[in-house]
C-alpha atoms as a PDB file:
ATOM      1  CA  MET A   1       0.000   0.000   0.000  1.00  0.00           C
ATOM      2  CA  LEU A   2       1.272   3.445  -0.967  1.00  0.00           C
ATOM      3  CA  VAL A   3       1.175   6.059   1.815  1.00  0.00           C
ATOM      4  CA  ARG A   4       0.616   9.691   0.831  1.00  0.00           C
ATOM      5  CA  PRO A   5       1.141  11.894   3.887  1.00  0.00           C
ATOM      6  CA  TRP A   6       0.152  15.101   2.027  1.00  0.00           C
ATOM      7  CA  LYS A   7      -2.959  13.692   0.339  1.00  0.00           C
ATOM      8  CA  GLY A   8      -5.187  14.195   3.362  1.00  0.00           C
ATOM      9  CA  GLY A   9      -5.032  14.410   7.069  1.00  0.00           C
ATOM     10  CA  ARG A  10      -3.838  16.997   9.486  1.00  0.00           C
ATOM     11  CA  MET A  11      -0.489  17.827   7.802  1.00  0.00           C
ATOM     12  CA  ALA A  12      -2.144  18.513   4.457  1.00  0.00           C
ATOM     13  CA  LYS A  13      -4.721  20.812   6.048  1.00  0.00           C
ATOM     14  CA  THR A  14      -2.007  22.644   7.964  1.00  0.00           C
ATOM     15  CA  TYR A  15       0.032  23.109   4.779  1.00  0.00           C
ATOM     16  CA  ARG A  16      -2.983  24.397   2.781  1.00  0.00           C
ATOM     17  CA  GLY A  17      -3.950  26.784   5.590  1.00  0.00           C
ATOM     18  CA  PHE A  18      -0.383  28.064   5.854  1.00  0.00           C
ATOM     19  CA  SER A  19      -0.070  28.610   2.096  1.00  0.00           C
ATOM     20  CA  ARG A  20      -3.391  30.513   1.987  1.00  0.00           C
ATOM     21  CA  TRP A  21      -2.249  32.839   4.788  1.00  0.00           C
ATOM     22  CA  MET A  22       1.113  33.367   3.094  1.00  0.00           C
ATOM     23  CA  CYS A  23      -0.601  34.277  -0.201  1.00  0.00           C
ATOM     24  CA  LEU A  24      -2.892  36.704   1.619  1.00  0.00           C
ATOM     25  CA  ALA A  25       0.037  38.299   3.485  1.00  0.00           C
ATOM     26  CA  LEU A  26       2.036  38.617   0.254  1.00  0.00           C
ATOM     27  CA  THR A  27      -0.912  40.236  -1.545  1.00  0.00           C
ATOM     28  CA  VAL A  28      -1.434  42.777   1.255  1.00  0.00           C
ATOM     29  CA  ALA A  29       2.300  43.578   1.356  1.00  0.00           C
ATOM     30  CA  LEU A  30       2.482  44.130  -2.397  1.00  0.00           C
ATOM     31  CA  ALA A  31      -0.640  46.295  -2.465  1.00  0.00           C
ATOM     32  CA  SER A  32       0.477  48.481   0.431  1.00  0.00           C
ATOM     33  CA  GLY A  33       3.968  48.858  -1.006  1.00  0.00           C
ATOM     34  CA  CYS A  34       2.579  50.299  -4.234  1.00  0.00           C
ATOM     35  CA  ALA A  35      -0.073  52.531  -2.734  1.00  0.00           C
ATOM     36  CA  GLY A  36       1.977  54.869  -0.570  1.00  0.00           C
ATOM     37  CA  SER A  37       0.783  57.661   1.646  1.00  0.00           C
ATOM     38  CA  THR A  38       1.724  61.263   2.244  1.00  0.00           C
ATOM     39  CA  SER A  39       3.928  61.982   5.258  1.00  0.00           C
ATOM     40  CA  LEU A  40       5.082  65.334   6.623  1.00  0.00           C
ATOM     41  CA  ARG A  41       8.252  66.173   8.609  1.00  0.00           C
ATOM     42  CA  PRO A  42       6.656  68.475  11.243  1.00  0.00           C
ATOM     43  CA  SER A  43      10.034  69.653  12.560  1.00  0.00           C
ATOM     44  CA  HIS A  44      11.056  71.190   9.198  1.00  0.00           C
ATOM     45  CA  PRO A  45      12.555  74.668   9.831  1.00  0.00           C
ATOM     46  CA  LEU A  46      10.318  76.404   7.234  1.00  0.00           C
ATOM     47  CA  ILE A  47       7.032  75.201   8.764  1.00  0.00           C
ATOM     48  CA  VAL A  48       5.544  78.037  10.811  1.00  0.00           C
ATOM     49  CA  SER A  49       2.748  78.183  13.356  1.00  0.00           C
ATOM     50  CA  GLU A  50      -0.759  79.500  12.739  1.00  0.00           C
ATOM     51  CA  GLY A  51      -0.194  82.906  14.397  1.00  0.00           C
ATOM     52  CA  THR A  52       2.879  83.888  12.354  1.00  0.00           C
ATOM     53  CA  THR A  53       2.236  86.859  10.046  1.00  0.00           C
ATOM     54  CA  GLU A  54       5.160  86.209   7.681  1.00  0.00           C
ATOM     55  CA  ARG A  55       3.772  82.962   6.336  1.00  0.00           C
ATOM     56  CA  ALA A  56       2.321  81.570   3.154  1.00  0.00           C
ATOM     57  CA  LYS A  57      -0.281  78.812   2.921  1.00  0.00           C
ATOM     58  CA  VAL A  58       1.060  76.369   0.333  1.00  0.00           C
ATOM     59  CA  TYR A  59      -0.916  73.484  -1.153  1.00  0.00           C
ATOM     60  CA  PHE A  60       1.134  70.575  -2.491  1.00  0.00           C
ATOM     61  CA  ILE A  61      -0.925  68.704  -5.111  1.00  0.00           C
ATOM     62  CA  ARG A  62      -0.060  65.402  -6.803  1.00  0.00           C
ATOM     63  CA  PRO A  63      -2.562  64.320  -9.452  1.00  0.00           C
ATOM     64  CA  ASP A  64      -3.108  60.646 -10.252  1.00  0.00           C
ATOM     65  CA  PRO A  65      -2.275  60.110 -13.952  1.00  0.00           C
ATOM     66  CA  GLY A  66      -3.029  56.382 -13.727  1.00  0.00           C
ATOM     67  CA  PHE A  67      -0.619  53.471 -13.321  1.00  0.00           C
ATOM     68  CA  ARG A  68       3.003  54.498 -13.919  1.00  0.00           C
ATOM     69  CA  GLY A  69       4.973  51.696 -12.239  1.00  0.00           C
ATOM     70  CA  VAL A  70       7.741  52.942  -9.924  1.00  0.00           C
ATOM     71  CA  MET A  71       6.700  56.525 -10.685  1.00  0.00           C
ATOM     72  CA  ASP A  72       3.587  55.800  -8.583  1.00  0.00           C
ATOM     73  CA  MET A  73       5.757  55.795  -5.469  1.00  0.00           C
ATOM     74  CA  PRO A  74       5.587  58.932  -3.278  1.00  0.00           C
ATOM     75  CA  VAL A  75       7.775  61.854  -4.393  1.00  0.00           C
ATOM     76  CA  THR A  76      10.103  63.404  -1.817  1.00  0.00           C
ATOM     77  CA  ILE A  77       9.986  67.195  -1.612  1.00  0.00           C
ATOM     78  CA  SER A  78      12.768  69.112   0.144  1.00  0.00           C
ATOM     79  CA  LEU A  79      12.866  72.844   0.878  1.00  0.00           C
ATOM     80  CA  GLY A  80      16.061  74.681   1.740  1.00  0.00           C
ATOM     81  CA  GLY A  81      18.054  71.444   1.782  1.00  0.00           C
ATOM     82  CA  ALA A  82      15.832  69.628   4.317  1.00  0.00           C
ATOM     83  CA  GLU A  83      13.176  67.027   3.528  1.00  0.00           C
ATOM     84  CA  LEU A  84       9.669  68.452   3.997  1.00  0.00           C
ATOM     85  CA  LEU A  85       7.319  65.675   2.883  1.00  0.00           C
ATOM     86  CA  SER A  86       6.674  62.573   0.826  1.00  0.00           C
ATOM     87  CA  LEU A  87       3.660  63.204  -1.394  1.00  0.00           C
ATOM     88  CA  ALA A  88       1.651  60.210  -2.605  1.00  0.00           C
ATOM     89  CA  LYS A  89      -0.128  60.205  -5.944  1.00  0.00           C
ATOM     90  CA  GLY A  90      -3.777  61.161  -5.805  1.00  0.00           C
ATOM     91  CA  GLN A  91      -3.335  63.242  -2.650  1.00  0.00           C
ATOM     92  CA  TYR A  92      -2.837  66.881  -1.683  1.00  0.00           C
ATOM     93  CA  THR A  93      -1.924  68.664   1.521  1.00  0.00           C
ATOM     94  CA  LEU A  94      -1.634  72.168   2.951  1.00  0.00           C
ATOM     95  CA  ILE A  95       1.454  73.400   4.813  1.00  0.00           C
ATOM     96  CA  PRO A  96       2.016  76.869   6.362  1.00  0.00           C
ATOM     97  CA  LEU A  97       5.526  77.937   5.349  1.00  0.00           C
ATOM     98  CA  ALA A  98       7.787  80.872   6.135  1.00  0.00           C
ATOM     99  CA  SER A  99       7.640  83.447   3.369  1.00  0.00           C
ATOM    100  CA  GLY A 100      10.675  84.094   1.184  1.00  0.00           C
ATOM    101  CA  SER A 101      12.659  82.369  -1.562  1.00  0.00           C
ATOM    102  CA  THR A 102      13.905  78.842  -1.149  1.00  0.00           C
ATOM    103  CA  GLU A 103      15.325  75.967  -3.142  1.00  0.00           C
ATOM    104  CA  VAL A 104      12.823  73.185  -3.903  1.00  0.00           C
ATOM    105  CA  LYS A 105      14.152  69.721  -4.679  1.00  0.00           C
ATOM    106  CA  VAL A 106      11.848  66.957  -5.919  1.00  0.00           C
ATOM    107  CA  GLU A 107      13.097  63.351  -5.881  1.00  0.00           C
ATOM    108  CA  SER A 108      11.308  60.399  -7.454  1.00  0.00           C
ATOM    109  CA  TYR A 109      11.948  57.089  -9.143  1.00  0.00           C
ATOM    110  CA  THR A 110      11.733  56.407 -12.856  1.00  0.00           C
ATOM    111  CA  VAL A 111      12.687  53.619 -15.252  1.00  0.00           C
ATOM    112  CA  VAL A 112      15.506  54.383 -17.710  1.00  0.00           C
ATOM    113  CA  GLY A 113      17.403  52.785 -20.534  1.00  0.00           C
ATOM    114  CA  PRO A 114      16.806  49.704 -22.615  1.00  0.00           C
ATOM    115  CA  SER A 115      17.348  47.543 -19.517  1.00  0.00           C
ATOM    116  CA  ASN A 116      14.461  49.271 -17.665  1.00  0.00           C
ATOM    117  CA  THR A 117      16.577  50.186 -14.641  1.00  0.00           C
ATOM    118  CA  MET A 118      14.801  51.760 -11.649  1.00  0.00           C
ATOM    119  CA  THR A 119      16.645  55.032 -11.030  1.00  0.00           C
ATOM    120  CA  LEU A 120      16.332  57.867  -8.509  1.00  0.00           C
ATOM    121  CA  VAL A 121      16.008  61.225 -10.310  1.00  0.00           C
ATOM    122  CA  SER A 122      15.646  64.764  -9.004  1.00  0.00           C
ATOM    123  CA  THR A 123      14.937  68.310 -10.089  1.00  0.00           C
ATOM    124  CA  THR A 124      15.797  71.508  -8.281  1.00  0.00           C
ATOM    125  CA  THR A 125      14.228  74.916  -8.711  1.00  0.00           C
ATOM    126  CA  GLN A 126      13.843  78.175  -6.795  1.00  0.00           C
ATOM    127  CA  LEU A 127      10.406  79.254  -5.526  1.00  0.00           C
ATOM    128  CA  THR A 128       9.199  82.309  -3.619  1.00  0.00           C
ATOM    129  CA  PHE A 129       6.433  82.089  -1.030  1.00  0.00           C
ATOM    130  CA  ALA A 130       4.642  85.413  -0.504  1.00  0.00           C
ATOM    131  CA  PRO A 131       3.584  86.488   3.009  1.00  0.00           C
ATOM    132  CA  GLY A 132      -0.170  86.215   3.556  1.00  0.00           C
ATOM    133  CA  ALA A 133      -0.712  84.473   0.207  1.00  0.00           C
ATOM    134  CA  THR A 134      -2.191  81.088  -0.601  1.00  0.00           C
ATOM    135  CA  GLN A 135      -0.172  79.292  -3.259  1.00  0.00           C
ATOM    136  CA  TYR A 136      -0.808  76.076  -5.176  1.00  0.00           C
ATOM    137  CA  LEU A 137       1.948  73.754  -6.410  1.00  0.00           C
ATOM    138  CA  VAL A 138       1.000  70.924  -8.762  1.00  0.00           C
ATOM    139  CA  PHE A 139       3.640  68.215  -9.227  1.00  0.00           C
ATOM    140  CA  GLU A 140       3.444  67.058 -12.831  1.00  0.00           C
ATOM    141  CA  LEU A 141       5.085  64.037 -14.416  1.00  0.00           C
ATOM    142  CA  VAL A 142       7.205  65.239 -17.355  1.00  0.00           C
ATOM    143  CA  PRO A 143       9.082  62.933 -19.785  1.00  0.00           C
ATOM    144  CA  ARG A 144      12.862  63.491 -19.977  1.00  0.00           C
ATOM    145  CA  GLY A 145      13.315  61.966 -23.420  1.00  0.00           C
ATOM    146  CA  ILE A 146      13.529  58.602 -25.132  1.00  0.00           C
ATOM    147  CA  LEU A 147      14.722  55.914 -22.688  1.00  0.00           C
ATOM    148  CA  ALA A 148      15.421  58.625 -20.065  1.00  0.00           C
ATOM    149  CA  GLY A 149      12.257  58.127 -17.991  1.00  0.00           C
ATOM    150  CA  SER A 150      10.257  60.930 -16.411  1.00  0.00           C
ATOM    151  CA  VAL A 151      10.655  63.436 -13.611  1.00  0.00           C
ATOM    152  CA  PHE A 152       8.231  65.419 -11.436  1.00  0.00           C
ATOM    153  CA  LEU A 153       8.259  69.198 -11.774  1.00  0.00           C
ATOM    154  CA  PRO A 154       6.465  71.656  -9.479  1.00  0.00           C
ATOM    155  CA  ARG A 155       4.265  74.142 -11.290  1.00  0.00           C
ATOM    156  CA  GLN A 156       2.611  77.058  -9.533  1.00  0.00           C
ATOM    157  CA  VAL A 157      -1.035  77.364 -10.630  1.00  0.00           C
ATOM    158  CA  SER A 158      -4.010  79.630 -10.002  1.00  0.00           C
ATOM    159  CA  ARG A 159      -6.787  78.753  -7.559  1.00  0.00           C
ATOM    160  CA  ASP A 160      -9.080  77.820 -10.467  1.00  0.00           C
ATOM    161  CA  SER A 161      -6.477  75.454 -11.916  1.00  0.00           C
ATOM    162  CA  ALA A 162      -5.886  73.984  -8.450  1.00  0.00           C
ATOM    163  CA  GLN A 163      -9.620  73.328  -8.086  1.00  0.00           C
ATOM    164  CA  ASP A 164      -9.536  71.393 -11.352  1.00  0.00           C
ATOM    165  CA  ALA A 165      -6.361  69.539 -10.338  1.00  0.00           C
ATOM    166  CA  VAL A 166      -7.759  68.296  -6.994  1.00  0.00           C
ATOM    167  CA  ARG A 167     -10.988  66.940  -8.454  1.00  0.00           C
ATOM    168  CA  GLY A 168     -11.036  63.288  -7.352  1.00  0.00           C
ATOM    169  CA  LEU A 169      -7.950  63.619  -5.123  1.00  0.00           C
ATOM    170  CA  THR A 170      -7.771  62.864  -1.391  1.00  0.00           C
ATOM    171  CA  PRO A 171      -6.928  65.732   0.979  1.00  0.00           C
ATOM    172  CA  VAL A 172      -4.541  64.818   3.809  1.00  0.00           C
ATOM    173  CA  GLY A 173      -3.212  66.677   6.853  1.00  0.00           C
ATOM    174  CA  MET A 174      -4.334  70.314   7.118  1.00  0.00           C
ATOM    175  CA  ALA A 175      -6.021  70.105   3.695  1.00  0.00           C
ATOM    176  CA  ILE A 176      -8.788  68.004   5.263  1.00  0.00           C
ATOM    177  CA  GLY A 177      -9.942  71.052   7.232  1.00  0.00           C
ATOM    178  CA  GLU A 178      -9.122  73.543   4.474  1.00  0.00           C
ATOM    179  CA  ARG A 179     -10.013  71.847   1.212  1.00  0.00           C
ATOM    180  CA  ILE A 180      -9.595  73.647  -2.074  1.00  0.00           C
ATOM    181  CA  ALA A 181     -13.309  74.288  -2.589  1.00  0.00           C
ATOM    182  CA  ASN A 182     -15.121  75.285  -5.761  1.00  0.00           C
END
C-alpha cells in the first residue's frame, strides 16, 4: 500500500492553511507597497505656526495620472536642503511655510534605458512664497526623453487650476480642514 502523507489528514490541512495565509500576506504587502501615503516632517525649519504673520499657505498637489509603475511611489519634496514631505499620488496637503525664496528639490523614481533600470532622479528649482498668500503647487510628471524616464516638476497654478487639479484627489493633513473648494 502506498502512503501519501500530504494527500489528506492533518499535515495537508495545515500546509494548505499556511499557504493561503502566506498568499494573503504577500498580496497585502504588495498592495500596500505600491499605494503609498503622504507623510510630513513636522520639525522642518520652514514650517511656521498658525499665528505667524510672515507665512504663506502652500498646497502641495499630486494628481493621479493612472498606473506608472515605480513613478507611482511617493515623491520626496525638500525645501532649503531639508526634507519636507513625501507626497503620494492622488493626494494633496496644505502646509504653512515661512515666506521668502527657497530651493525646492523633488526626488522620485523612474525607469531608464533599454534595460528598464529603476533610477532615482531629481529636479531643483527656486520658488518664492509670498507672506499672507495662498499658493498652489502641482507636481506634474514630465518625460525626460527617449529611454530617459520621467521626472516630477512643481508648477505654480491659479486657484481655479488647483480646483480642477484636486478633483477626485484625497486631501490629507491640514487640507482636510481647508479643502480647495469650488
